[in-house]
PDB file of all heavy atoms in Angstrom:
ATOM      1  N   GLY A   1      45.435  -0.671 -19.811  1.00  0.00           N
ATOM      2  CA  GLY A   1      45.835  -2.061 -19.777  1.00  0.00           C
ATOM      3  C   GLY A   1      46.231  -2.611 -18.423  1.00  0.00           C
ATOM      4  O   GLY A   1      46.647  -3.767 -18.278  1.00  0.00           O
ATOM      5  N   LYS A   2      46.164  -1.783 -17.380  1.00  0.00           N
ATOM      6  CA  LYS A   2      46.581  -2.218 -16.008  1.00  0.00           C
ATOM      7  C   LYS A   2      45.428  -1.942 -15.072  1.00  0.00           C
ATOM      8  O   LYS A   2      44.787  -0.880 -15.084  1.00  0.00           O
ATOM      9  CB  LYS A   2      47.818  -1.444 -15.614  1.00  0.00           C
ATOM     10  CG  LYS A   2      48.374  -1.847 -14.267  1.00  0.00           C
ATOM     11  CD  LYS A   2      49.611  -1.034 -13.929  1.00  0.00           C
ATOM     12  CE  LYS A   2      50.116  -1.388 -12.564  1.00  0.00           C
ATOM     13  NZ  LYS A   2      51.311  -0.586 -12.168  1.00  0.00           N
ATOM     14  N   LYS A   3      45.197  -2.900 -14.145  1.00  0.00           N
ATOM     15  CA  LYS A   3      44.136  -2.743 -13.167  1.00  0.00           C
ATOM     16  C   LYS A   3      44.423  -1.538 -12.246  1.00  0.00           C
ATOM     17  O   LYS A   3      45.536  -1.255 -11.896  1.00  0.00           O
ATOM     18  CB  LYS A   3      43.978  -3.988 -12.306  1.00  0.00           C
ATOM     19  CG  LYS A   3      43.236  -5.149 -12.988  1.00  0.00           C
ATOM     20  CD  LYS A   3      43.014  -6.266 -12.013  1.00  0.00           C
ATOM     21  CE  LYS A   3      42.232  -7.401 -12.703  1.00  0.00           C
ATOM     22  NZ  LYS A   3      41.938  -8.546 -11.764  1.00  0.00           N
ATOM     23  N   VAL A   4      43.358  -0.875 -11.938  1.00  0.00           N
ATOM     24  CA  VAL A   4      43.441   0.280 -10.965  1.00  0.00           C
ATOM     25  C   VAL A   4      44.019  -0.195  -9.643  1.00  0.00           C
ATOM     26  O   VAL A   4      44.865   0.432  -9.056  1.00  0.00           O
ATOM     27  CB  VAL A   4      42.071   0.952 -10.786  1.00  0.00           C
ATOM     28  CG1 VAL A   4      42.129   1.964  -9.688  1.00  0.00           C
ATOM     29  CG2 VAL A   4      41.604   1.560 -12.110  1.00  0.00           C
ATOM     30  N   GLY A   5      43.496  -1.364  -9.200  1.00  0.00           N
ATOM     31  CA  GLY A   5      44.101  -2.055  -8.041  1.00  0.00           C
ATOM     32  C   GLY A   5      43.493  -1.689  -6.701  1.00  0.00           C
ATOM     33  O   GLY A   5      42.905  -2.485  -6.031  1.00  0.00           O
ATOM     34  N   ASP A   6      43.722  -0.440  -6.297  1.00  0.00           N
ATOM     35  CA  ASP A   6      43.205   0.012  -5.000  1.00  0.00           C
ATOM     36  C   ASP A   6      43.013   1.510  -4.968  1.00  0.00           C
ATOM     37  O   ASP A   6      43.212   2.170  -6.021  1.00  0.00           O
ATOM     38  CB  ASP A   6      44.100  -0.425  -3.871  1.00  0.00           C
ATOM     39  CG  ASP A   6      45.547   0.142  -3.973  1.00  0.00           C
ATOM     40  OD1 ASP A   6      45.741   1.140  -4.694  1.00  0.00           O
ATOM     41  OD2 ASP A   6      46.467  -0.442  -3.371  1.00  0.00           O
ATOM     42  N   VAL A   7      42.611   2.045  -3.845  1.00  0.00           N
ATOM     43  CA  VAL A   7      42.286   3.468  -3.771  1.00  0.00           C
ATOM     44  C   VAL A   7      43.508   4.353  -4.027  1.00  0.00           C
ATOM     45  O   VAL A   7      43.411   5.443  -4.550  1.00  0.00           O
ATOM     46  CB  VAL A   7      41.594   3.788  -2.418  1.00  0.00           C
ATOM     47  CG1 VAL A   7      42.581   3.724  -1.270  1.00  0.00           C
ATOM     48  CG2 VAL A   7      40.888   5.129  -2.473  1.00  0.00           C
ATOM     49  N   PHE A   8      44.694   3.859  -3.622  1.00  0.00           N
ATOM     50  CA  PHE A   8      45.918   4.667  -3.865  1.00  0.00           C
ATOM     51  C   PHE A   8      46.297   4.663  -5.360  1.00  0.00           C
ATOM     52  O   PHE A   8      46.755   5.649  -5.873  1.00  0.00           O
ATOM     53  CB  PHE A   8      47.067   4.109  -3.040  1.00  0.00           C
ATOM     54  CG  PHE A   8      46.888   4.358  -1.554  1.00  0.00           C
ATOM     55  CD1 PHE A   8      46.593   3.304  -0.704  1.00  0.00           C
ATOM     56  CD2 PHE A   8      47.005   5.627  -1.026  1.00  0.00           C
ATOM     57  CE1 PHE A   8      46.410   3.532   0.685  1.00  0.00           C
ATOM     58  CE2 PHE A   8      46.840   5.855   0.326  1.00  0.00           C
ATOM     59  CZ  PHE A   8      46.547   4.819   1.197  1.00  0.00           C
ATOM     60  N   GLY A   9      46.033   3.513  -5.968  1.00  0.00           N
ATOM     61  CA  GLY A   9      46.273   3.456  -7.411  1.00  0.00           C
ATOM     62  C   GLY A   9      45.392   4.417  -8.179  1.00  0.00           C
ATOM     63  O   GLY A   9      45.834   5.116  -9.109  1.00  0.00           O
ATOM     64  N   LEU A  10      44.133   4.495  -7.748  1.00  0.00           N
ATOM     65  CA  LEU A  10      43.161   5.416  -8.366  1.00  0.00           C
ATOM     66  C   LEU A  10      43.632   6.883  -8.146  1.00  0.00           C
ATOM     67  O   LEU A  10      43.631   7.685  -9.091  1.00  0.00           O
ATOM     68  CB  LEU A  10      41.775   5.218  -7.807  1.00  0.00           C
ATOM     69  CG  LEU A  10      40.653   6.132  -8.338  1.00  0.00           C
ATOM     70  CD1 LEU A  10      39.395   5.367  -8.503  1.00  0.00           C
ATOM     71  CD2 LEU A  10      40.430   7.264  -7.327  1.00  0.00           C
ATOM     72  N   ALA A  11      44.019   7.192  -6.896  1.00  0.00           N
ATOM     73  CA  ALA A  11      44.450   8.561  -6.609  1.00  0.00           C
ATOM     74  C   ALA A  11      45.719   8.950  -7.413  1.00  0.00           C
ATOM     75  O   ALA A  11      45.836  10.078  -7.851  1.00  0.00           O
ATOM     76  CB  ALA A  11      44.719   8.669  -5.124  1.00  0.00           C
ATOM     77  N   ASP A  12      46.621   7.968  -7.590  1.00  0.00           N
ATOM     78  CA  ASP A  12      47.865   8.256  -8.338  1.00  0.00           C
ATOM     79  C   ASP A  12      47.534   8.556  -9.807  1.00  0.00           C
ATOM     80  O   ASP A  12      48.089   9.524 -10.426  1.00  0.00           O
ATOM     81  CB  ASP A  12      48.827   7.086  -8.271  1.00  0.00           C
ATOM     82  CG  ASP A  12      49.578   7.035  -6.952  1.00  0.00           C
ATOM     83  OD1 ASP A  12      49.600   8.082  -6.261  1.00  0.00           O
ATOM     84  OD2 ASP A  12      50.110   5.951  -6.615  1.00  0.00           O
ATOM     85  N   ILE A  13      46.646   7.766 -10.367  1.00  0.00           N
ATOM     86  CA  ILE A  13      46.245   7.982 -11.787  1.00  0.00           C
ATOM     87  C   ILE A  13      45.613   9.375 -11.925  1.00  0.00           C
ATOM     88  O   ILE A  13      45.953  10.140 -12.855  1.00  0.00           O
ATOM     89  CB  ILE A  13      45.272   6.880 -12.277  1.00  0.00           C
ATOM     90  CG1 ILE A  13      45.993   5.528 -12.333  1.00  0.00           C
ATOM     91  CG2 ILE A  13      44.716   7.239 -13.652  1.00  0.00           C
ATOM     92  CD1 ILE A  13      45.023   4.370 -12.496  1.00  0.00           C
ATOM     93  N   LEU A  14      44.702   9.674 -11.049  1.00  0.00           N
ATOM     94  CA  LEU A  14      43.996  10.966 -11.128  1.00  0.00           C
ATOM     95  C   LEU A  14      44.991  12.161 -11.004  1.00  0.00           C
ATOM     96  O   LEU A  14      44.853  13.137 -11.745  1.00  0.00           O
ATOM     97  CB  LEU A  14      42.913  11.085 -10.045  1.00  0.00           C
ATOM     98  CG  LEU A  14      41.635  10.276 -10.300  1.00  0.00           C
ATOM     99  CD1 LEU A  14      40.716  10.358  -9.094  1.00  0.00           C
ATOM    100  CD2 LEU A  14      40.898  10.778 -11.561  1.00  0.00           C
ATOM    101  N   LEU A  15      45.935  12.031 -10.135  1.00  0.00           N
ATOM    102  CA  LEU A  15      46.859  13.137  -9.936  1.00  0.00           C
ATOM    103  C   LEU A  15      47.869  13.234 -11.050  1.00  0.00           C
ATOM    104  O   LEU A  15      48.093  14.348 -11.613  1.00  0.00           O
ATOM    105  CB  LEU A  15      47.597  12.982  -8.569  1.00  0.00           C
ATOM    106  CG  LEU A  15      48.517  14.123  -8.204  1.00  0.00           C
ATOM    107  CD1 LEU A  15      47.787  15.457  -8.116  1.00  0.00           C
ATOM    108  CD2 LEU A  15      49.201  13.879  -6.841  1.00  0.00           C
ATOM    109  N   ASN A  16      48.428  12.145 -11.439  1.00  0.00           N
ATOM    110  CA  ASN A  16      49.546  12.154 -12.435  1.00  0.00           C
ATOM    111  C   ASN A  16      49.070  12.269 -13.879  1.00  0.00           C
ATOM    112  O   ASN A  16      49.731  12.887 -14.709  1.00  0.00           O
ATOM    113  CB  ASN A  16      50.414  10.896 -12.278  1.00  0.00           C
ATOM    114  CG  ASN A  16      51.136  10.848 -10.933  1.00  0.00           C
ATOM    115  OD1 ASN A  16      51.617  11.878 -10.456  1.00  0.00           O
ATOM    116  ND2 ASN A  16      51.151   9.697 -10.284  1.00  0.00           N
ATOM    117  N   ASP A  17      47.905  11.699 -14.184  1.00  0.00           N
ATOM    118  CA  ASP A  17      47.403  11.669 -15.599  1.00  0.00           C
ATOM    119  C   ASP A  17      46.251  12.662 -15.853  1.00  0.00           C
ATOM    120  O   ASP A  17      46.066  13.015 -16.997  1.00  0.00           O
ATOM    121  CB  ASP A  17      46.971  10.248 -16.005  1.00  0.00           C
ATOM    122  CG  ASP A  17      48.119   9.318 -16.181  1.00  0.00           C
ATOM    123  OD1 ASP A  17      49.274   9.677 -15.766  1.00  0.00           O
ATOM    124  OD2 ASP A  17      47.937   8.208 -16.724  1.00  0.00           O
ATOM    125  N   PHE A  18      45.544  13.007 -14.800  1.00  0.00           N
ATOM    126  CA  PHE A  18      44.382  13.887 -14.969  1.00  0.00           C
ATOM    127  C   PHE A  18      44.450  15.178 -14.151  1.00  0.00           C
ATOM    128  O   PHE A  18      43.541  15.973 -14.186  1.00  0.00           O
ATOM    129  CB  PHE A  18      43.087  13.111 -14.642  1.00  0.00           C
ATOM    130  CG  PHE A  18      42.767  12.054 -15.634  1.00  0.00           C
ATOM    131  CD1 PHE A  18      43.344  10.755 -15.507  1.00  0.00           C
ATOM    132  CD2 PHE A  18      41.928  12.275 -16.728  1.00  0.00           C
ATOM    133  CE1 PHE A  18      43.053   9.740 -16.400  1.00  0.00           C
ATOM    134  CE2 PHE A  18      41.625  11.279 -17.619  1.00  0.00           C
ATOM    135  CZ  PHE A  18      42.193  10.023 -17.470  1.00  0.00           C
ATOM    136  N   ASN A  19      45.592  15.336 -13.451  1.00  0.00           N
ATOM    137  CA  ASN A  19      45.821  16.565 -12.676  1.00  0.00           C
ATOM    138  C   ASN A  19      44.691  16.890 -11.700  1.00  0.00           C
ATOM    139  O   ASN A  19      44.264  18.036 -11.557  1.00  0.00           O
ATOM    140  CB  ASN A  19      46.059  17.752 -13.656  1.00  0.00           C
ATOM    141  CG  ASN A  19      47.252  17.564 -14.520  1.00  0.00           C
ATOM    142  OD1 ASN A  19      48.145  16.764 -14.190  1.00  0.00           O
ATOM    143  ND2 ASN A  19      47.284  18.229 -15.656  1.00  0.00           N
ATOM    144  N   VAL A  20      44.224  15.866 -10.984  1.00  0.00           N
ATOM    145  CA  VAL A  20      43.218  16.042  -9.942  1.00  0.00           C
ATOM    146  C   VAL A  20      43.713  15.358  -8.669  1.00  0.00           C
ATOM    147  O   VAL A  20      44.105  14.213  -8.682  1.00  0.00           O
ATOM    148  CB  VAL A  20      41.864  15.415 -10.372  1.00  0.00           C
ATOM    149  CG1 VAL A  20      40.848  15.590  -9.257  1.00  0.00           C
ATOM    150  CG2 VAL A  20      41.345  15.999 -11.632  1.00  0.00           C
ATOM    151  N   ALA A  21      43.682  16.118  -7.551  1.00  0.00           N
ATOM    152  CA  ALA A  21      44.104  15.568  -6.302  1.00  0.00           C
ATOM    153  C   ALA A  21      42.848  15.197  -5.456  1.00  0.00           C
ATOM    154  O   ALA A  21      41.988  16.048  -5.169  1.00  0.00           O
ATOM    155  CB  ALA A  21      44.933  16.587  -5.517  1.00  0.00           C
ATOM    156  N   VAL A  22      42.742  13.928  -5.041  1.00  0.00           N
ATOM    157  CA  VAL A  22      41.693  13.416  -4.181  1.00  0.00           C
ATOM    158  C   VAL A  22      42.351  12.743  -2.981  1.00  0.00           C
ATOM    159  O   VAL A  22      43.520  12.387  -3.047  1.00  0.00           O
ATOM    160  CB  VAL A  22      40.775  12.468  -4.897  1.00  0.00           C
ATOM    161  CG1 VAL A  22      40.119  13.114  -6.136  1.00  0.00           C
ATOM    162  CG2 VAL A  22      41.460  11.161  -5.312  1.00  0.00           C
ATOM    163  N   ILE A  23      41.571  12.534  -1.915  1.00  0.00           N
ATOM    164  CA  ILE A  23      42.123  11.925  -0.731  1.00  0.00           C
ATOM    165  C   ILE A  23      41.681  10.463  -0.618  1.00  0.00           C
ATOM    166  O   ILE A  23      40.484  10.207  -0.462  1.00  0.00           O
ATOM    167  CB  ILE A  23      41.634  12.670   0.546  1.00  0.00           C
ATOM    168  CG1 ILE A  23      42.099  14.141   0.511  1.00  0.00           C
ATOM    169  CG2 ILE A  23      42.138  11.998   1.777  1.00  0.00           C
ATOM    170  CD1 ILE A  23      43.590  14.336   0.485  1.00  0.00           C
ATOM    171  N   PRO A  24      42.611   9.509  -0.694  1.00  0.00           N
ATOM    172  CA  PRO A  24      42.267   8.115  -0.468  1.00  0.00           C
ATOM    173  C   PRO A  24      41.899   7.949   1.028  1.00  0.00           C
ATOM    174  O   PRO A  24      42.560   8.488   1.894  1.00  0.00           O
ATOM    175  CB  PRO A  24      43.540   7.346  -0.785  1.00  0.00           C
ATOM    176  CG  PRO A  24      44.430   8.320  -1.488  1.00  0.00           C
ATOM    177  CD  PRO A  24      44.058   9.671  -1.017  1.00  0.00           C
ATOM    178  N   CYS A  25      40.835   7.242   1.305  1.00  0.00           N
ATOM    179  CA  CYS A  25      40.333   7.174   2.696  1.00  0.00           C
ATOM    180  C   CYS A  25      40.765   5.927   3.487  1.00  0.00           C
ATOM    181  O   CYS A  25      40.162   5.611   4.481  1.00  0.00           O
ATOM    182  CB  CYS A  25      38.809   7.284   2.671  1.00  0.00           C
ATOM    183  SG  CYS A  25      38.254   8.996   2.349  1.00  0.00           S
ATOM    184  N   LYS A  26      41.796   5.274   3.036  1.00  0.00           N
ATOM    185  CA  LYS A  26      42.336   4.139   3.828  1.00  0.00           C
ATOM    186  C   LYS A  26      42.698   4.621   5.227  1.00  0.00           C
ATOM    187  O   LYS A  26      42.406   3.943   6.202  1.00  0.00           O
ATOM    188  CB  LYS A  26      43.513   3.488   3.140  1.00  0.00           C
ATOM    189  CG  LYS A  26      43.990   2.252   3.896  1.00  0.00           C
ATOM    190  CD  LYS A  26      45.108   1.536   3.157  1.00  0.00           C
ATOM    191  CE  LYS A  26      45.555   0.262   3.918  1.00  0.00           C
ATOM    192  NZ  LYS A  26      46.612  -0.460   3.190  1.00  0.00           N
ATOM    193  N   ASP A  27      43.353   5.764   5.321  1.00  0.00           N
ATOM    194  CA  ASP A  27      43.751   6.303   6.627  1.00  0.00           C
ATOM    195  C   ASP A  27      42.568   6.832   7.407  1.00  0.00           C
ATOM    196  O   ASP A  27      42.699   7.235   8.564  1.00  0.00           O
ATOM    197  CB  ASP A  27      44.793   7.389   6.468  1.00  0.00           C
ATOM    198  CG  ASP A  27      46.139   6.839   6.020  1.00  0.00           C
ATOM    199  OD1 ASP A  27      46.341   5.603   6.136  1.00  0.00           O
ATOM    200  OD2 ASP A  27      46.992   7.601   5.570  1.00  0.00           O
ATOM    201  N   PHE A  28      41.363   6.873   6.758  1.00  0.00           N
ATOM    202  CA  PHE A  28      40.145   7.276   7.440  1.00  0.00           C
ATOM    203  C   PHE A  28      39.324   6.054   7.858  1.00  0.00           C
ATOM    204  O   PHE A  28      38.181   6.171   8.305  1.00  0.00           O
ATOM    205  CB  PHE A  28      39.300   8.157   6.522  1.00  0.00           C
ATOM    206  CG  PHE A  28      39.881   9.536   6.226  1.00  0.00           C
ATOM    207  CD1 PHE A  28      40.994   9.675   5.421  1.00  0.00           C
ATOM    208  CD2 PHE A  28      39.277  10.654   6.780  1.00  0.00           C
ATOM    209  CE1 PHE A  28      41.519  10.918   5.147  1.00  0.00           C
ATOM    210  CE2 PHE A  28      39.797  11.927   6.480  1.00  0.00           C
ATOM    211  CZ  PHE A  28      40.924  12.047   5.714  1.00  0.00           C
ATOM    212  N   GLY A  29      39.890   4.887   7.632  1.00  0.00           N
ATOM    213  CA  GLY A  29      39.221   3.633   8.031  1.00  0.00           C
ATOM    214  C   GLY A  29      38.416   3.012   6.974  1.00  0.00           C
ATOM    215  O   GLY A  29      37.736   1.996   7.243  1.00  0.00           O
ATOM    216  N   PHE A  30      38.436   3.548   5.742  1.00  0.00           N
ATOM    217  CA  PHE A  30      37.682   2.974   4.615  1.00  0.00           C
ATOM    218  C   PHE A  30      38.583   2.936   3.364  1.00  0.00           C
ATOM    219  O   PHE A  30      38.785   3.975   2.718  1.00  0.00           O
ATOM    220  CB  PHE A  30      36.426   3.822   4.364  1.00  0.00           C
ATOM    221  CG  PHE A  30      35.163   3.282   4.932  1.00  0.00           C
ATOM    222  CD1 PHE A  30      34.967   3.320   6.313  1.00  0.00           C
ATOM    223  CD2 PHE A  30      34.174   2.705   4.161  1.00  0.00           C
ATOM    224  CE1 PHE A  30      33.797   2.816   6.895  1.00  0.00           C
ATOM    225  CE2 PHE A  30      33.023   2.203   4.743  1.00  0.00           C
ATOM    226  CZ  PHE A  30      32.837   2.252   6.067  1.00  0.00           C
TER     227      PHE A  30
END
């Protein structure tokens, strides 16, 4: 019921709800 929003929101959902760690690439320029 809530928008993913941005790459950090996606990474938080994956880590906290699906136990998967990915790297958001905002700090990589994308």
